[in-house]
Amino acid sequence: MRVIAGKAKGRPLRSVPGPGTRPITDRAKSALFSILGESVQEATFLDLFAGTGQVGIEALSRGATRAVFVEQGEAALRTIHQNLNLTGLQTGAEVRKADVFQYLGRPATGAFDFIYVAPPQYRGLWKQTLSRLDQQMEWLAEDGWVIVQIHPVEFEELPLQHLVLFDQRQYGSVMLCFYGRPTPEDDL
């Protein structure tokens, strides 16, 4: 596990000890940031169920101005801090010890350009998180994206009111689902 590009390119990242997290593979992370492209620069990221913090760290390395890491596990929180120190990317990083649903239950601290959701597998937490964000759109910038990382067998269509699935990619055992606000073309 490493930072792929940007200011901290090539820096190794630590894993969270134990089986509690499932870091995104370098292949899927590379593809994700290829899709995001230049839009990462000057962007704000909300990394929910942050684990190692590698998605938010990659965003900061590539020029994002702010990344908020939300995680409740002690070992994961320590790992995020270690990885921020290893990469020298503490500027713009905020680490919040919190349950994701309690965190989202607070008033939004600003709209994020990208919200990354990568909860523990097979518990339906991605559906609960996406449904919560769908009801609290103040967390997402007007042209922002919610990106969900799941195992492909977890995917199902969800009845959403404000978000639409506009892209979906699979990289081995990682599926990335991209949601955003509807566009006029979605109504056709």
N, C-alpha and C. Protein backbone atom coordinates (compact mmCIF):
# COMPACT_ATOMS: atom_id res chain seq x y z
N MET A 1 0.85 -1.17 0.00
CA MET A 1 0.00 0.00 0.00
C MET A 1 0.89 1.23 0.00
N ARG A 2 0.59 2.15 -0.92
CA ARG A 2 1.43 3.33 -1.07
C ARG A 2 0.62 4.47 -1.67
N VAL A 3 1.20 5.66 -1.62
CA VAL A 3 0.62 6.81 -2.32
C VAL A 3 1.05 6.70 -3.77
N ILE A 4 0.11 6.83 -4.69
CA ILE A 4 0.38 6.57 -6.10
C ILE A 4 0.94 7.79 -6.83
N ALA A 5 0.44 8.97 -6.52
CA ALA A 5 0.86 10.15 -7.28
C ALA A 5 0.81 11.39 -6.40
N GLY A 6 1.41 12.48 -6.91
CA GLY A 6 1.35 13.76 -6.22
C GLY A 6 2.54 14.01 -5.32
N LYS A 7 2.33 14.91 -4.36
CA LYS A 7 3.41 15.35 -3.46
C LYS A 7 4.06 14.21 -2.68
N ALA A 8 3.28 13.22 -2.30
CA ALA A 8 3.80 12.11 -1.48
C ALA A 8 3.96 10.83 -2.29
N LYS A 9 4.07 10.95 -3.60
CA LYS A 9 4.17 9.78 -4.49
C LYS A 9 5.22 8.79 -4.00
N GLY A 10 4.81 7.51 -3.97
CA GLY A 10 5.72 6.44 -3.61
C GLY A 10 5.86 6.18 -2.12
N ARG A 11 5.34 7.06 -1.29
CA ARG A 11 5.47 6.86 0.17
C ARG A 11 4.62 5.66 0.59
N PRO A 12 5.21 4.76 1.36
CA PRO A 12 4.44 3.60 1.84
C PRO A 12 3.44 4.02 2.92
N LEU A 13 2.34 3.29 2.98
CA LEU A 13 1.31 3.53 3.99
C LEU A 13 1.18 2.30 4.87
N ARG A 14 0.90 2.53 6.12
CA ARG A 14 0.71 1.41 7.05
C ARG A 14 -0.71 0.88 6.97
N SER A 15 -0.83 -0.40 7.26
CA SER A 15 -2.14 -1.04 7.34
C SER A 15 -2.63 -1.00 8.78
N VAL A 16 -3.93 -1.10 8.94
CA VAL A 16 -4.51 -1.20 10.28
C VAL A 16 -4.28 -2.63 10.76
N PRO A 17 -3.70 -2.81 11.95
CA PRO A 17 -3.50 -4.17 12.46
C PRO A 17 -4.82 -4.91 12.62
N GLY A 18 -4.83 -6.18 12.29
CA GLY A 18 -6.02 -7.01 12.46
C GLY A 18 -6.89 -7.03 11.22
N PRO A 19 -7.98 -7.80 11.28
CA PRO A 19 -8.83 -8.03 10.11
C PRO A 19 -9.97 -7.02 9.94
N GLY A 20 -10.03 -5.96 10.71
CA GLY A 20 -11.20 -5.09 10.73
C GLY A 20 -11.38 -4.16 9.55
N THR A 21 -10.35 -3.97 8.71
CA THR A 21 -10.49 -3.05 7.58
C THR A 21 -10.21 -3.77 6.27
N ARG A 22 -10.69 -3.19 5.18
CA ARG A 22 -10.41 -3.73 3.85
C ARG A 22 -9.92 -2.59 2.96
N PRO A 23 -8.63 -2.35 2.96
CA PRO A 23 -8.11 -1.24 2.16
C PRO A 23 -8.40 -1.44 0.67
N ILE A 24 -8.59 -0.34 -0.02
CA ILE A 24 -8.77 -0.38 -1.46
C ILE A 24 -7.45 -0.85 -2.09
N THR A 25 -7.55 -1.64 -3.12
CA THR A 25 -6.34 -2.11 -3.80
C THR A 25 -5.71 -0.95 -4.57
N ASP A 26 -4.39 -1.05 -4.80
CA ASP A 26 -3.71 -0.01 -5.57
C ASP A 26 -4.32 0.11 -6.97
N ARG A 27 -4.70 -1.02 -7.56
CA ARG A 27 -5.31 -1.01 -8.90
C ARG A 27 -6.62 -0.20 -8.90
N ALA A 28 -7.49 -0.47 -7.93
CA ALA A 28 -8.77 0.24 -7.86
C ALA A 28 -8.56 1.71 -7.50
N LYS A 29 -7.60 1.97 -6.60
CA LYS A 29 -7.33 3.37 -6.21
C LYS A 29 -6.78 4.15 -7.40
N SER A 30 -5.89 3.54 -8.16
CA SER A 30 -5.34 4.19 -9.35
C SER A 30 -6.45 4.50 -10.35
N ALA A 31 -7.34 3.53 -10.55
CA ALA A 31 -8.46 3.74 -11.47
C ALA A 31 -9.39 4.84 -10.97
N LEU A 32 -9.68 4.84 -9.68
CA LEU A 32 -10.54 5.86 -9.09
C LEU A 32 -9.98 7.25 -9.36
N PHE A 33 -8.71 7.44 -9.07
CA PHE A 33 -8.14 8.78 -9.23
C PHE A 33 -7.91 9.14 -10.70
N SER A 34 -7.83 8.14 -11.55
CA SER A 34 -7.81 8.41 -12.99
C SER A 34 -9.17 8.95 -13.44
N ILE A 35 -10.23 8.38 -12.90
CA ILE A 35 -11.58 8.86 -13.20
C ILE A 35 -11.78 10.28 -12.67
N LEU A 36 -11.32 10.54 -11.46
CA LEU A 36 -11.48 11.86 -10.86
C LEU A 36 -10.62 12.92 -11.55
N GLY A 37 -9.47 12.50 -12.02
CA GLY A 37 -8.59 13.38 -12.79
C GLY A 37 -8.26 14.69 -12.08
N GLU A 38 -8.29 15.76 -12.85
CA GLU A 38 -7.91 17.09 -12.34
C GLU A 38 -8.91 17.65 -11.34
N SER A 39 -10.10 17.07 -11.27
CA SER A 39 -11.11 17.60 -10.35
C SER A 39 -10.70 17.44 -8.89
N VAL A 40 -9.69 16.64 -8.62
CA VAL A 40 -9.20 16.45 -7.25
C VAL A 40 -8.51 17.72 -6.75
N GLN A 41 -7.86 18.44 -7.65
CA GLN A 41 -7.13 19.64 -7.24
C GLN A 41 -8.10 20.68 -6.70
N GLU A 42 -7.77 21.20 -5.53
CA GLU A 42 -8.58 22.21 -4.82
C GLU A 42 -9.90 21.64 -4.29
N ALA A 43 -10.09 20.34 -4.34
CA ALA A 43 -11.35 19.72 -3.90
C ALA A 43 -11.33 19.45 -2.40
N THR A 44 -12.52 19.17 -1.88
CA THR A 44 -12.67 18.75 -0.49
C THR A 44 -13.21 17.32 -0.47
N PHE A 45 -12.65 16.50 0.44
CA PHE A 45 -12.99 15.08 0.53
C PHE A 45 -13.50 14.76 1.92
N LEU A 46 -14.53 13.95 1.98
CA LEU A 46 -15.01 13.39 3.23
C LEU A 46 -14.82 11.88 3.11
N ASP A 47 -13.92 11.33 3.90
CA ASP A 47 -13.57 9.91 3.86
C ASP A 47 -14.26 9.23 5.04
N LEU A 48 -15.39 8.57 4.76
CA LEU A 48 -16.18 7.91 5.79
C LEU A 48 -15.74 6.46 5.95
N PHE A 49 -15.72 5.97 7.19
CA PHE A 49 -15.16 4.65 7.49
C PHE A 49 -13.72 4.64 6.95
N ALA A 50 -12.93 5.60 7.35
CA ALA A 50 -11.65 5.92 6.70
C ALA A 50 -10.60 4.82 6.77
N GLY A 51 -10.65 3.94 7.75
CA GLY A 51 -9.69 2.83 7.80
C GLY A 51 -8.26 3.33 7.89
N THR A 52 -7.46 3.09 6.86
CA THR A 52 -6.06 3.53 6.82
C THR A 52 -5.94 4.99 6.43
N GLY A 53 -7.01 5.55 5.88
CA GLY A 53 -6.99 6.93 5.41
C GLY A 53 -6.42 7.09 4.02
N GLN A 54 -6.16 5.99 3.33
CA GLN A 54 -5.41 6.10 2.08
C GLN A 54 -6.14 6.84 0.96
N VAL A 55 -7.46 6.83 0.92
CA VAL A 55 -8.16 7.56 -0.15
C VAL A 55 -8.05 9.06 0.08
N GLY A 56 -8.31 9.51 1.29
CA GLY A 56 -8.17 10.93 1.59
C GLY A 56 -6.73 11.40 1.47
N ILE A 57 -5.79 10.54 1.86
CA ILE A 57 -4.36 10.88 1.74
C ILE A 57 -3.97 11.01 0.28
N GLU A 58 -4.45 10.10 -0.55
CA GLU A 58 -4.17 10.19 -1.99
C GLU A 58 -4.73 11.50 -2.56
N ALA A 59 -5.92 11.87 -2.11
CA ALA A 59 -6.52 13.13 -2.57
C ALA A 59 -5.67 14.32 -2.15
N LEU A 60 -5.21 14.35 -0.90
CA LEU A 60 -4.36 15.45 -0.44
C LEU A 60 -3.05 15.49 -1.23
N SER A 61 -2.48 14.32 -1.48
CA SER A 61 -1.24 14.26 -2.25
C SER A 61 -1.42 14.84 -3.65
N ARG A 62 -2.61 14.67 -4.21
CA ARG A 62 -2.90 15.13 -5.57
C ARG A 62 -3.44 16.55 -5.62
N GLY A 63 -3.48 17.24 -4.49
CA GLY A 63 -3.84 18.65 -4.51
C GLY A 63 -5.17 19.03 -3.90
N ALA A 64 -5.87 18.09 -3.26
CA ALA A 64 -7.10 18.45 -2.55
C ALA A 64 -6.73 19.41 -1.41
N THR A 65 -7.62 20.35 -1.12
CA THR A 65 -7.33 21.33 -0.07
C THR A 65 -7.73 20.85 1.32
N ARG A 66 -8.66 19.90 1.37
CA ARG A 66 -9.16 19.45 2.67
C ARG A 66 -9.62 18.01 2.57
N ALA A 67 -9.29 17.22 3.58
CA ALA A 67 -9.79 15.85 3.69
C ALA A 67 -10.16 15.61 5.15
N VAL A 68 -11.39 15.21 5.36
CA VAL A 68 -11.87 14.88 6.70
C VAL A 68 -12.02 13.36 6.77
N PHE A 69 -11.33 12.77 7.74
CA PHE A 69 -11.33 11.32 7.92
C PHE A 69 -12.23 11.00 9.11
N VAL A 70 -13.28 10.22 8.89
CA VAL A 70 -14.19 9.85 9.98
C VAL A 70 -14.03 8.35 10.24
N GLU A 71 -13.66 8.04 11.47
CA GLU A 71 -13.38 6.65 11.85
C GLU A 71 -13.60 6.55 13.35
N GLN A 72 -14.07 5.39 13.81
CA GLN A 72 -14.26 5.23 15.25
C GLN A 72 -13.29 4.21 15.87
N GLY A 73 -12.68 3.36 15.09
CA GLY A 73 -11.78 2.35 15.63
C GLY A 73 -10.45 2.95 16.07
N GLU A 74 -10.02 2.62 17.28
CA GLU A 74 -8.78 3.18 17.83
C GLU A 74 -7.56 2.84 16.97
N ALA A 75 -7.45 1.57 16.56
CA ALA A 75 -6.30 1.15 15.76
C ALA A 75 -6.29 1.88 14.41
N ALA A 76 -7.46 2.04 13.81
CA ALA A 76 -7.55 2.75 12.54
C ALA A 76 -7.19 4.22 12.71
N LEU A 77 -7.66 4.84 13.78
CA LEU A 77 -7.33 6.25 14.03
C LEU A 77 -5.82 6.45 14.18
N ARG A 78 -5.19 5.55 14.94
CA ARG A 78 -3.73 5.62 15.07
C ARG A 78 -3.04 5.48 13.71
N THR A 79 -3.55 4.56 12.89
CA THR A 79 -2.97 4.32 11.57
C THR A 79 -3.14 5.54 10.67
N ILE A 80 -4.28 6.19 10.71
CA ILE A 80 -4.49 7.40 9.90
C ILE A 80 -3.47 8.46 10.30
N HIS A 81 -3.32 8.69 11.60
CA HIS A 81 -2.34 9.69 12.07
C HIS A 81 -0.92 9.31 11.64
N GLN A 82 -0.57 8.03 11.77
CA GLN A 82 0.76 7.57 11.34
C GLN A 82 0.96 7.82 9.85
N ASN A 83 -0.06 7.49 9.04
CA ASN A 83 0.06 7.66 7.59
C ASN A 83 0.14 9.13 7.19
N LEU A 84 -0.57 9.99 7.89
CA LEU A 84 -0.46 11.42 7.61
C LEU A 84 0.95 11.91 7.96
N ASN A 85 1.51 11.42 9.06
CA ASN A 85 2.88 11.79 9.42
C ASN A 85 3.90 11.25 8.43
N LEU A 86 3.72 9.99 8.00
CA LEU A 86 4.65 9.38 7.04
C LEU A 86 4.67 10.14 5.71
N THR A 87 3.53 10.68 5.32
CA THR A 87 3.43 11.36 4.03
C THR A 87 3.65 12.86 4.13
N GLY A 88 3.63 13.40 5.35
CA GLY A 88 3.78 14.85 5.52
C GLY A 88 2.57 15.62 5.03
N LEU A 89 1.40 14.98 5.04
CA LEU A 89 0.19 15.61 4.50
C LEU A 89 -0.81 16.02 5.58
N GLN A 90 -0.30 16.48 6.73
CA GLN A 90 -1.19 16.87 7.82
C GLN A 90 -1.97 18.14 7.50
N THR A 91 -1.39 19.03 6.68
CA THR A 91 -2.07 20.28 6.34
C THR A 91 -3.31 19.96 5.52
N GLY A 92 -4.43 20.45 5.98
CA GLY A 92 -5.70 20.19 5.29
C GLY A 92 -6.39 18.93 5.75
N ALA A 93 -5.74 18.14 6.61
CA ALA A 93 -6.33 16.90 7.10
C ALA A 93 -6.99 17.12 8.45
N GLU A 94 -8.17 16.58 8.60
CA GLU A 94 -8.88 16.58 9.89
C GLU A 94 -9.29 15.15 10.18
N VAL A 95 -8.90 14.64 11.33
CA VAL A 95 -9.26 13.28 11.72
C VAL A 95 -10.31 13.38 12.82
N ARG A 96 -11.45 12.77 12.59
CA ARG A 96 -12.57 12.82 13.53
C ARG A 96 -12.88 11.43 14.06
N LYS A 97 -12.78 11.28 15.38
CA LYS A 97 -13.17 10.02 16.01
C LYS A 97 -14.68 10.09 16.20
N ALA A 98 -15.39 9.29 15.40
CA ALA A 98 -16.85 9.33 15.49
C ALA A 98 -17.46 8.15 14.76
N ASP A 99 -18.62 7.77 15.20
CA ASP A 99 -19.48 6.86 14.46
C ASP A 99 -19.98 7.64 13.24
N VAL A 100 -19.91 7.06 12.06
CA VAL A 100 -20.28 7.76 10.82
C VAL A 100 -21.72 8.30 10.90
N PHE A 101 -22.64 7.52 11.43
CA PHE A 101 -24.04 7.96 11.47
C PHE A 101 -24.25 9.10 12.46
N GLN A 102 -23.53 9.07 13.57
CA GLN A 102 -23.60 10.20 14.50
C GLN A 102 -22.97 11.44 13.88
N TYR A 103 -21.86 11.25 13.18
CA TYR A 103 -21.19 12.38 12.51
C TYR A 103 -22.13 13.01 11.49
N LEU A 104 -22.77 12.19 10.68
CA LEU A 104 -23.69 12.72 9.66
C LEU A 104 -24.97 13.28 10.27
N GLY A 105 -25.24 12.94 11.52
CA GLY A 105 -26.41 13.48 12.21
C GLY A 105 -26.21 14.92 12.67
N ARG A 106 -24.98 15.39 12.64
CA ARG A 106 -24.69 16.78 13.00
C ARG A 106 -24.96 17.68 11.80
N PRO A 107 -25.07 18.98 12.05
CA PRO A 107 -25.16 19.89 10.91
C PRO A 107 -23.88 19.81 10.08
N ALA A 108 -24.02 19.85 8.77
CA ALA A 108 -22.87 19.77 7.87
C ALA A 108 -21.91 20.93 8.13
N THR A 109 -20.62 20.63 8.06
CA THR A 109 -19.60 21.66 8.27
C THR A 109 -19.15 22.24 6.93
N GLY A 110 -19.99 22.13 5.95
CA GLY A 110 -19.67 22.57 4.60
C GLY A 110 -19.94 21.44 3.64
N ALA A 111 -20.17 21.77 2.39
CA ALA A 111 -20.44 20.75 1.39
C ALA A 111 -19.13 20.23 0.82
N PHE A 112 -19.04 18.93 0.63
CA PHE A 112 -17.83 18.28 0.13
C PHE A 112 -17.97 17.99 -1.36
N ASP A 113 -16.86 18.12 -2.07
CA ASP A 113 -16.84 17.78 -3.49
C ASP A 113 -16.93 16.28 -3.71
N PHE A 114 -16.30 15.52 -2.82
CA PHE A 114 -16.31 14.06 -2.92
C PHE A 114 -16.52 13.47 -1.54
N ILE A 115 -17.45 12.52 -1.45
CA ILE A 115 -17.67 11.78 -0.21
C ILE A 115 -17.40 10.32 -0.54
N TYR A 116 -16.41 9.75 0.15
CA TYR A 116 -16.01 8.37 -0.10
C TYR A 116 -16.54 7.50 1.02
N VAL A 117 -17.27 6.44 0.66
CA VAL A 117 -17.92 5.56 1.62
C VAL A 117 -17.36 4.14 1.43
N ALA A 118 -16.62 3.65 2.41
CA ALA A 118 -16.04 2.30 2.32
C ALA A 118 -16.18 1.58 3.66
N PRO A 119 -17.41 1.19 4.01
CA PRO A 119 -17.63 0.56 5.32
C PRO A 119 -17.22 -0.91 5.34
N PRO A 120 -17.23 -1.51 6.52
CA PRO A 120 -17.00 -2.96 6.61
C PRO A 120 -18.00 -3.70 5.71
N GLN A 121 -17.54 -4.79 5.12
CA GLN A 121 -18.35 -5.53 4.15
C GLN A 121 -19.51 -6.28 4.78
N TYR A 122 -20.50 -6.52 3.94
CA TYR A 122 -21.61 -7.44 4.20
C TYR A 122 -22.48 -7.09 5.40
N ARG A 123 -22.48 -5.84 5.78
CA ARG A 123 -23.33 -5.42 6.91
C ARG A 123 -24.42 -4.44 6.47
N GLY A 124 -24.44 -4.09 5.20
CA GLY A 124 -25.43 -3.15 4.69
C GLY A 124 -25.16 -1.70 5.07
N LEU A 125 -23.99 -1.45 5.64
CA LEU A 125 -23.69 -0.08 6.09
C LEU A 125 -23.59 0.90 4.93
N TRP A 126 -23.16 0.43 3.76
CA TRP A 126 -23.08 1.34 2.61
C TRP A 126 -24.46 1.84 2.23
N LYS A 127 -25.46 0.96 2.31
CA LYS A 127 -26.84 1.35 1.97
C LYS A 127 -27.38 2.35 2.98
N GLN A 128 -27.12 2.11 4.26
CA GLN A 128 -27.58 3.04 5.29
C GLN A 128 -26.92 4.40 5.13
N THR A 129 -25.62 4.39 4.83
CA THR A 129 -24.88 5.65 4.68
C THR A 129 -25.37 6.42 3.46
N LEU A 130 -25.53 5.71 2.35
CA LEU A 130 -26.00 6.37 1.13
C LEU A 130 -27.41 6.92 1.31
N SER A 131 -28.26 6.18 1.97
CA SER A 131 -29.63 6.66 2.24
C SER A 131 -29.61 7.89 3.14
N ARG A 132 -28.73 7.90 4.12
CA ARG A 132 -28.60 9.06 5.01
C ARG A 132 -28.13 10.28 4.22
N LEU A 133 -27.11 10.10 3.38
CA LEU A 133 -26.61 11.21 2.56
C LEU A 133 -27.69 11.71 1.59
N ASP A 134 -28.49 10.78 1.07
CA ASP A 134 -29.57 11.14 0.15
C ASP A 134 -30.59 12.05 0.84
N GLN A 135 -30.76 11.90 2.14
CA GLN A 135 -31.70 12.72 2.90
C GLN A 135 -31.04 13.98 3.46
N GLN A 136 -29.71 14.05 3.41
CA GLN A 136 -28.99 15.20 3.96
C GLN A 136 -28.02 15.73 2.91
N MET A 137 -28.57 16.26 1.84
CA MET A 137 -27.78 16.67 0.68
C MET A 137 -26.88 17.87 0.97
N GLU A 138 -27.04 18.50 2.13
CA GLU A 138 -26.16 19.63 2.46
C GLU A 138 -24.71 19.19 2.64
N TRP A 139 -24.46 17.89 2.79
CA TRP A 139 -23.09 17.39 2.91
C TRP A 139 -22.36 17.38 1.56
N LEU A 140 -23.13 17.41 0.47
CA LEU A 140 -22.55 17.24 -0.87
C LEU A 140 -22.63 18.53 -1.66
N ALA A 141 -21.50 18.93 -2.25
CA ALA A 141 -21.48 20.11 -3.11
C ALA A 141 -22.44 19.92 -4.29
N GLU A 142 -22.85 21.02 -4.88
CA GLU A 142 -23.84 20.98 -5.96
C GLU A 142 -23.45 20.00 -7.08
N ASP A 143 -22.19 20.00 -7.47
CA ASP A 143 -21.73 19.07 -8.51
C ASP A 143 -20.87 17.96 -7.93
N GLY A 144 -21.06 17.67 -6.64
CA GLY A 144 -20.25 16.67 -5.95
C GLY A 144 -20.67 15.24 -6.25
N TRP A 145 -19.81 14.33 -5.87
CA TRP A 145 -20.04 12.90 -6.05
C TRP A 145 -19.94 12.17 -4.73
N VAL A 146 -20.76 11.15 -4.57
CA VAL A 146 -20.61 10.17 -3.50
C VAL A 146 -20.08 8.91 -4.18
N ILE A 147 -18.98 8.40 -3.66
CA ILE A 147 -18.36 7.21 -4.24
C ILE A 147 -18.39 6.12 -3.19
N VAL A 148 -18.98 4.97 -3.54
CA VAL A 148 -19.13 3.87 -2.61
C VAL A 148 -18.22 2.73 -3.04
N GLN A 149 -17.46 2.19 -2.10
CA GLN A 149 -16.60 1.02 -2.34
C GLN A 149 -17.22 -0.17 -1.64
N ILE A 150 -17.59 -1.18 -2.43
CA ILE A 150 -18.19 -2.40 -1.88
C ILE A 150 -17.64 -3.61 -2.62
N HIS A 151 -17.94 -4.78 -2.10
CA HIS A 151 -17.69 -6.01 -2.84
C HIS A 151 -18.85 -6.13 -3.84
N PRO A 152 -18.59 -6.59 -5.06
CA PRO A 152 -19.65 -6.65 -6.08
C PRO A 152 -20.92 -7.39 -5.66
N VAL A 153 -20.80 -8.43 -4.83
CA VAL A 153 -22.01 -9.17 -4.44
C VAL A 153 -22.91 -8.34 -3.52
N GLU A 154 -22.40 -7.26 -2.96
CA GLU A 154 -23.20 -6.42 -2.07
C GLU A 154 -24.14 -5.48 -2.82
N PHE A 155 -23.85 -5.22 -4.08
CA PHE A 155 -24.58 -4.17 -4.79
C PHE A 155 -26.06 -4.51 -4.97
N GLU A 156 -26.88 -3.50 -4.81
CA GLU A 156 -28.30 -3.55 -5.17
C GLU A 156 -28.76 -2.13 -5.44
N GLU A 157 -29.77 -2.02 -6.28
CA GLU A 157 -30.36 -0.71 -6.55
C GLU A 157 -31.05 -0.23 -5.28
N LEU A 158 -30.93 1.07 -5.01
CA LEU A 158 -31.56 1.64 -3.82
C LEU A 158 -32.59 2.68 -4.23
N PRO A 159 -33.69 2.78 -3.49
CA PRO A 159 -34.68 3.82 -3.79
C PRO A 159 -34.20 5.16 -3.22
N LEU A 160 -33.56 5.96 -4.04
CA LEU A 160 -33.02 7.25 -3.62
C LEU A 160 -33.85 8.38 -4.22
N GLN A 161 -33.96 9.48 -3.49
CA GLN A 161 -34.75 10.62 -3.95
C GLN A 161 -33.89 11.69 -4.61
N HIS A 162 -32.66 11.88 -4.14
CA HIS A 162 -31.85 13.01 -4.59
C HIS A 162 -30.55 12.61 -5.27
N LEU A 163 -30.16 11.37 -5.14
CA LEU A 163 -28.92 10.90 -5.76
C LEU A 163 -29.24 9.86 -6.82
N VAL A 164 -28.43 9.86 -7.89
CA VAL A 164 -28.59 8.85 -8.93
C VAL A 164 -27.24 8.17 -9.16
N LEU A 165 -27.30 6.87 -9.44
CA LEU A 165 -26.11 6.13 -9.81
C LEU A 165 -25.79 6.48 -11.25
N PHE A 166 -24.59 7.04 -11.49
CA PHE A 166 -24.26 7.43 -12.86
C PHE A 166 -23.09 6.65 -13.43
N ASP A 167 -22.38 5.88 -12.61
CA ASP A 167 -21.29 5.06 -13.12
C ASP A 167 -20.99 3.97 -12.11
N GLN A 168 -20.44 2.88 -12.61
CA GLN A 168 -20.12 1.75 -11.75
C GLN A 168 -18.95 1.02 -12.40
N ARG A 169 -17.93 0.73 -11.63
CA ARG A 169 -16.74 0.05 -12.15
C ARG A 169 -16.36 -1.07 -11.19
N GLN A 170 -15.85 -2.17 -11.78
CA GLN A 170 -15.42 -3.29 -10.96
C GLN A 170 -13.96 -3.60 -11.25
N TYR A 171 -13.18 -3.78 -10.17
CA TYR A 171 -11.77 -4.11 -10.24
C TYR A 171 -11.54 -5.30 -9.32
N GLY A 172 -11.69 -6.50 -9.86
CA GLY A 172 -11.59 -7.70 -9.03
C GLY A 172 -12.68 -7.71 -7.98
N SER A 173 -12.29 -7.77 -6.72
CA SER A 173 -13.27 -7.83 -5.63
C SER A 173 -13.69 -6.45 -5.13
N VAL A 174 -13.32 -5.40 -5.87
CA VAL A 174 -13.70 -4.03 -5.50
C VAL A 174 -14.66 -3.47 -6.55
N MET A 175 -15.80 -3.01 -6.09
CA MET A 175 -16.73 -2.29 -6.97
C MET A 175 -16.82 -0.86 -6.47
N LEU A 176 -16.71 0.08 -7.41
CA LEU A 176 -16.88 1.49 -7.12
C LEU A 176 -18.17 1.95 -7.77
N CYS A 177 -19.05 2.55 -6.97
CA CYS A 177 -20.33 3.06 -7.45
C CYS A 177 -20.32 4.58 -7.27
N PHE A 178 -20.65 5.29 -8.34
CA PHE A 178 -20.58 6.75 -8.35
C PHE A 178 -22.00 7.33 -8.38
N TYR A 179 -22.30 8.18 -7.42
CA TYR A 179 -23.61 8.81 -7.30
C TYR A 179 -23.46 10.32 -7.34
N GLY A 180 -24.44 10.98 -7.92
CA GLY A 180 -24.46 12.43 -7.94
C GLY A 180 -25.89 12.92 -8.03
N ARG A 181 -26.05 14.23 -8.09
CA ARG A 181 -27.38 14.79 -8.25
C ARG A 181 -27.87 14.53 -9.67
N PRO A 182 -29.16 14.39 -9.85
CA PRO A 182 -29.68 14.15 -11.20
C PRO A 182 -29.39 15.32 -12.13
N THR A 183 -29.18 15.01 -13.38
CA THR A 183 -29.02 16.03 -14.42
C THR A 183 -30.27 16.03 -15.28
N PRO A 184 -30.49 17.07 -16.08
CA PRO A 184 -31.68 17.07 -16.97
C PRO A 184 -31.75 15.83 -17.85
N GLU A 185 -30.59 15.28 -18.26
CA GLU A 185 -30.60 14.09 -19.11
C GLU A 185 -31.16 12.87 -18.37
N ASP A 186 -31.05 12.85 -17.03
CA ASP A 186 -31.55 11.72 -16.26
C ASP A 186 -33.09 11.63 -16.33
N ASP A 187 -33.73 12.73 -16.63
CA ASP A 187 -35.20 12.74 -16.69
C ASP A 187 -35.73 12.26 -18.04
N LEU A 188 -34.85 12.13 -19.03
CA LEU A 188 -35.30 11.73 -20.36
C LEU A 188 -35.60 10.25 -20.44
